[in-house]
N, C-alpha and C. Protein backbone atom coordinates (compact mmCIF):
# COMPACT_ATOMS: atom_id res chain seq x y z
N UNK A 1 55.82 -19.53 18.17
CA UNK A 1 55.11 -18.51 17.36
C UNK A 1 56.11 -17.48 16.89
N UNK A 2 56.03 -17.17 15.64
CA UNK A 2 56.89 -16.11 15.09
C UNK A 2 56.31 -14.75 15.48
N UNK A 3 57.13 -13.74 15.26
CA UNK A 3 56.64 -12.38 15.55
C UNK A 3 55.43 -12.07 14.69
N UNK A 4 54.47 -11.35 15.28
CA UNK A 4 53.26 -11.05 14.56
C UNK A 4 53.02 -9.49 14.58
N UNK A 5 52.17 -9.11 13.65
CA UNK A 5 51.78 -7.70 13.56
C UNK A 5 50.65 -7.42 14.48
N UNK A 6 50.31 -6.14 14.61
CA UNK A 6 49.29 -5.70 15.59
C UNK A 6 47.87 -6.29 15.30
N UNK A 7 47.55 -6.43 14.04
CA UNK A 7 46.22 -6.97 13.66
C UNK A 7 46.05 -8.39 14.30
N UNK A 8 47.06 -9.21 14.24
CA UNK A 8 47.01 -10.54 14.80
C UNK A 8 46.92 -10.50 16.34
N UNK A 9 47.63 -9.54 16.90
CA UNK A 9 47.62 -9.39 18.34
C UNK A 9 46.22 -8.99 18.81
N UNK A 10 45.61 -8.04 18.06
CA UNK A 10 44.22 -7.61 18.37
C UNK A 10 43.31 -8.84 18.44
N UNK A 11 43.43 -9.71 17.46
CA UNK A 11 42.58 -10.88 17.36
C UNK A 11 42.89 -11.89 18.51
N UNK A 12 44.14 -12.09 18.86
CA UNK A 12 44.51 -13.06 19.86
C UNK A 12 44.19 -12.55 21.29
N UNK A 13 44.33 -11.29 21.51
CA UNK A 13 44.12 -10.73 22.90
C UNK A 13 42.73 -10.22 23.08
N UNK A 14 42.11 -9.70 22.03
CA UNK A 14 40.79 -9.14 22.24
C UNK A 14 40.86 -7.73 22.72
N UNK A 15 41.92 -7.02 22.40
CA UNK A 15 42.02 -5.58 22.71
C UNK A 15 42.17 -4.81 21.43
N UNK A 16 41.57 -3.61 21.35
CA UNK A 16 41.70 -2.82 20.19
C UNK A 16 43.11 -2.23 20.06
N UNK A 17 43.50 -1.92 18.85
CA UNK A 17 44.81 -1.36 18.54
C UNK A 17 45.13 -0.15 19.40
N UNK A 18 44.12 0.70 19.61
CA UNK A 18 44.32 1.92 20.44
C UNK A 18 44.72 1.60 21.83
N UNK A 19 44.18 0.57 22.43
CA UNK A 19 44.59 0.14 23.78
C UNK A 19 45.96 -0.37 23.80
N UNK A 20 46.31 -1.22 22.80
CA UNK A 20 47.66 -1.77 22.72
C UNK A 20 48.70 -0.69 22.61
N UNK A 21 48.41 0.32 21.76
CA UNK A 21 49.32 1.42 21.55
C UNK A 21 49.46 2.24 22.88
N UNK A 22 48.32 2.40 23.56
CA UNK A 22 48.32 3.15 24.82
C UNK A 22 49.24 2.45 25.85
N UNK A 23 49.09 1.14 26.03
CA UNK A 23 49.92 0.45 27.00
C UNK A 23 51.42 0.54 26.61
N UNK A 24 51.74 0.56 25.31
CA UNK A 24 53.09 0.75 24.89
C UNK A 24 53.58 2.18 25.19
N UNK A 25 52.77 3.18 24.90
CA UNK A 25 53.15 4.59 25.26
C UNK A 25 53.40 4.74 26.72
N UNK A 26 52.59 4.06 27.56
CA UNK A 26 52.71 4.19 28.99
C UNK A 26 53.89 3.39 29.56
N UNK A 27 54.56 2.60 28.70
CA UNK A 27 55.76 1.85 29.12
C UNK A 27 55.42 0.58 29.82
N UNK A 28 54.21 0.06 29.64
CA UNK A 28 53.81 -1.20 30.32
C UNK A 28 54.54 -2.37 29.60
N UNK A 29 54.72 -2.25 28.30
CA UNK A 29 55.53 -3.23 27.58
C UNK A 29 56.11 -2.57 26.33
N UNK A 30 57.11 -3.17 25.75
CA UNK A 30 57.81 -2.59 24.62
C UNK A 30 58.07 -3.62 23.55
N UNK A 31 57.25 -3.65 22.51
CA UNK A 31 57.49 -4.62 21.43
C UNK A 31 58.79 -4.27 20.65
N UNK A 32 59.34 -5.31 20.05
CA UNK A 32 60.55 -5.11 19.22
C UNK A 32 60.18 -4.38 17.94
N UNK A 33 61.17 -3.74 17.32
CA UNK A 33 61.00 -3.07 16.05
C UNK A 33 61.80 -3.82 14.99
N UNK A 34 61.21 -4.07 13.83
CA UNK A 34 61.91 -4.64 12.71
C UNK A 34 62.92 -3.61 12.22
N UNK A 35 64.17 -4.00 12.08
CA UNK A 35 65.22 -3.12 11.67
C UNK A 35 65.05 -2.64 10.19
N UNK A 36 64.39 -3.44 9.37
CA UNK A 36 64.29 -3.15 7.96
C UNK A 36 63.13 -2.10 7.70
N UNK A 37 62.03 -2.19 8.47
CA UNK A 37 60.91 -1.32 8.15
C UNK A 37 60.40 -0.56 9.36
N UNK A 38 60.99 -0.76 10.53
CA UNK A 38 60.66 -0.14 11.75
C UNK A 38 59.22 -0.47 12.26
N UNK A 39 58.60 -1.50 11.71
CA UNK A 39 57.31 -1.96 12.20
C UNK A 39 57.50 -2.64 13.53
N UNK A 40 56.49 -2.56 14.37
CA UNK A 40 56.52 -3.32 15.61
C UNK A 40 56.29 -4.79 15.33
N UNK A 41 56.98 -5.66 15.96
CA UNK A 41 56.80 -7.12 15.81
C UNK A 41 56.58 -7.67 17.17
N UNK A 42 55.40 -8.14 17.42
CA UNK A 42 55.00 -8.64 18.73
C UNK A 42 55.36 -10.13 18.88
N UNK A 43 55.91 -10.46 20.04
CA UNK A 43 56.28 -11.84 20.35
C UNK A 43 55.14 -12.52 21.11
N UNK A 44 55.32 -13.81 21.34
CA UNK A 44 54.36 -14.52 22.19
C UNK A 44 54.38 -13.91 23.61
N UNK A 45 55.54 -13.51 24.09
CA UNK A 45 55.64 -12.89 25.39
C UNK A 45 54.83 -11.59 25.47
N UNK A 46 54.85 -10.83 24.38
CA UNK A 46 54.06 -9.56 24.32
C UNK A 46 52.59 -9.87 24.37
N UNK A 47 52.21 -10.91 23.66
CA UNK A 47 50.77 -11.36 23.61
C UNK A 47 50.35 -11.78 25.05
N UNK A 48 51.16 -12.56 25.70
CA UNK A 48 50.85 -13.02 27.04
C UNK A 48 50.80 -11.82 28.01
N UNK A 49 51.71 -10.86 27.85
CA UNK A 49 51.70 -9.67 28.66
C UNK A 49 50.37 -8.91 28.50
N UNK A 50 49.96 -8.73 27.25
CA UNK A 50 48.73 -8.01 27.00
C UNK A 50 47.47 -8.73 27.55
N UNK A 51 47.54 -10.06 27.49
CA UNK A 51 46.43 -10.83 28.12
C UNK A 51 46.36 -10.60 29.59
N UNK A 52 47.51 -10.53 30.22
CA UNK A 52 47.53 -10.24 31.70
C UNK A 52 47.03 -8.84 31.98
N UNK A 53 47.43 -7.89 31.13
CA UNK A 53 47.02 -6.48 31.32
C UNK A 53 45.50 -6.45 31.21
N UNK A 54 44.93 -7.13 30.17
CA UNK A 54 43.48 -7.15 30.01
C UNK A 54 42.78 -7.63 31.27
N UNK A 55 43.30 -8.73 31.83
CA UNK A 55 42.65 -9.29 33.03
C UNK A 55 42.77 -8.32 34.22
N UNK A 56 43.93 -7.76 34.40
CA UNK A 56 44.16 -6.79 35.44
C UNK A 56 43.24 -5.56 35.36
N UNK A 57 43.07 -5.07 34.11
CA UNK A 57 42.21 -3.94 33.88
C UNK A 57 40.75 -4.34 34.18
N UNK A 58 40.34 -5.57 33.86
CA UNK A 58 38.98 -5.97 34.16
C UNK A 58 38.79 -6.07 35.68
N UNK A 59 39.86 -6.15 36.44
CA UNK A 59 39.80 -6.19 37.91
C UNK A 59 40.00 -4.78 38.47
N UNK A 60 39.92 -3.79 37.61
CA UNK A 60 40.14 -2.34 37.97
C UNK A 60 41.50 -2.00 38.53
N UNK A 61 42.51 -2.75 38.15
CA UNK A 61 43.88 -2.40 38.55
C UNK A 61 44.29 -1.25 37.63
N UNK A 62 44.89 -0.18 38.20
CA UNK A 62 45.25 0.97 37.44
C UNK A 62 46.45 0.67 36.50
N UNK A 63 46.53 1.48 35.45
CA UNK A 63 47.64 1.34 34.56
C UNK A 63 48.98 1.60 35.22
N UNK A 64 49.02 2.53 36.15
CA UNK A 64 50.20 2.79 36.96
C UNK A 64 50.62 1.57 37.69
N UNK A 65 49.69 0.87 38.35
CA UNK A 65 50.00 -0.32 39.11
C UNK A 65 50.41 -1.44 38.16
N UNK A 66 49.76 -1.55 37.06
CA UNK A 66 50.12 -2.60 36.08
C UNK A 66 51.57 -2.39 35.56
N UNK A 67 51.90 -1.12 35.30
CA UNK A 67 53.30 -0.84 34.90
C UNK A 67 54.27 -1.23 35.98
N UNK A 68 53.95 -0.94 37.24
CA UNK A 68 54.85 -1.27 38.35
C UNK A 68 54.97 -2.76 38.47
N UNK A 69 53.90 -3.49 38.25
CA UNK A 69 53.98 -4.95 38.26
C UNK A 69 54.85 -5.48 37.13
N UNK A 70 54.65 -4.89 35.92
CA UNK A 70 55.43 -5.30 34.78
C UNK A 70 56.92 -5.05 34.95
N UNK A 71 57.25 -3.99 35.65
CA UNK A 71 58.63 -3.66 35.91
C UNK A 71 59.18 -4.26 37.18
N UNK A 72 58.41 -5.20 37.75
CA UNK A 72 58.80 -5.94 38.92
C UNK A 72 58.97 -5.02 40.15
N UNK A 73 58.28 -3.92 40.16
CA UNK A 73 58.33 -2.99 41.30
C UNK A 73 57.32 -3.37 42.37
N UNK A 74 56.32 -4.17 41.97
CA UNK A 74 55.30 -4.69 42.89
C UNK A 74 55.28 -6.21 42.65
N UNK A 75 55.30 -6.96 43.71
CA UNK A 75 55.28 -8.44 43.58
C UNK A 75 53.81 -8.94 43.56
């Protein structure tokens, strides 16, 4: 899969743009930026990460704990 824009990520993951941006601001994941236009370009790894975040949130795992998991601070 090529890099995609946030609209496609919203559709693939089932999370609204506001939630995706929130997880980015919180440092849970960091999408690449296009050098030409500074737009975020999401990879398949980003999409998979967001899917995992969605499942963890459905299980009431806190964003702090999710970030720790993403940073390999919690196994």
